[in-house]
Amino acid sequence: MARPIKETPELYGKDAERFEKLISKARPATDDEKARARKAYEVMKSISNFQW
């Protein structure tokens, strides 16, 4: 049986400020990042043998 998921802690002070800055500067993935993700996906897809 799975363990229950704990509540996510709230951020305060400098941690909250740093987190807010990081998420406000979100940028789209570069073509290189997309290509690496696609390659990793294809590798995982090739080694898995799930039957749907």
Protein backbone atom coordinates (compact mmCIF):
# COMPACT_ATOMS: atom_id res chain seq x y z
CA MET A 1 0.00 0.00 0.00
CA ALA A 2 1.29 3.48 -0.86
CA ARG A 3 2.23 6.00 1.77
CA PRO A 4 0.07 9.12 2.06
CA ILE A 5 1.40 12.26 0.40
CA LYS A 6 2.60 14.87 2.88
CA GLU A 7 1.42 18.45 2.67
CA THR A 8 3.63 20.84 0.73
CA PRO A 9 5.35 23.28 3.08
CA GLU A 10 4.73 26.99 2.63
CA LEU A 11 7.64 29.24 1.71
CA TYR A 12 8.41 32.35 3.71
CA GLY A 13 10.94 35.17 3.55
CA LYS A 14 13.89 34.95 1.18
CA ASP A 15 12.93 31.45 0.01
CA ALA A 16 9.53 32.75 -1.12
CA GLU A 17 11.11 35.75 -2.87
CA ARG A 18 13.65 33.56 -4.66
CA PHE A 19 10.94 31.12 -5.77
CA GLU A 20 8.74 33.94 -7.07
CA LYS A 21 11.63 35.38 -9.09
CA LEU A 22 12.41 31.98 -10.60
CA ILE A 23 8.85 31.27 -11.72
CA SER A 24 8.32 34.81 -13.07
CA LYS A 25 11.32 34.41 -15.40
CA ALA A 26 10.04 31.25 -17.06
CA ARG A 27 11.30 30.82 -20.60
CA PRO A 28 10.37 28.42 -23.37
CA ALA A 29 12.57 25.39 -23.87
CA THR A 30 15.30 25.76 -26.48
CA ASP A 31 15.44 23.54 -29.55
CA ASP A 32 18.45 21.76 -28.03
CA GLU A 33 16.56 21.02 -24.80
CA LYS A 34 13.59 19.74 -26.81
CA ALA A 35 15.87 17.49 -28.88
CA ARG A 36 17.52 16.04 -25.76
CA ALA A 37 14.11 15.39 -24.19
CA ARG A 38 12.85 13.74 -27.39
CA LYS A 39 15.95 11.52 -27.54
CA ALA A 40 15.54 10.49 -23.89
CA TYR A 41 11.87 9.72 -24.55
CA GLU A 42 12.71 7.58 -27.57
CA VAL A 43 15.34 5.63 -25.57
CA MET A 44 12.88 4.95 -22.75
CA LYS A 45 10.19 4.02 -25.25
CA SER A 46 12.52 1.56 -26.99
CA ILE A 47 13.46 -0.29 -23.78
CA SER A 48 9.97 -0.46 -22.30
CA ASN A 49 7.63 -3.31 -23.12
CA PHE A 50 4.27 -2.28 -21.78
CA GLN A 51 1.23 -4.00 -23.21
CA TRP A 52 -1.70 -1.59 -23.55
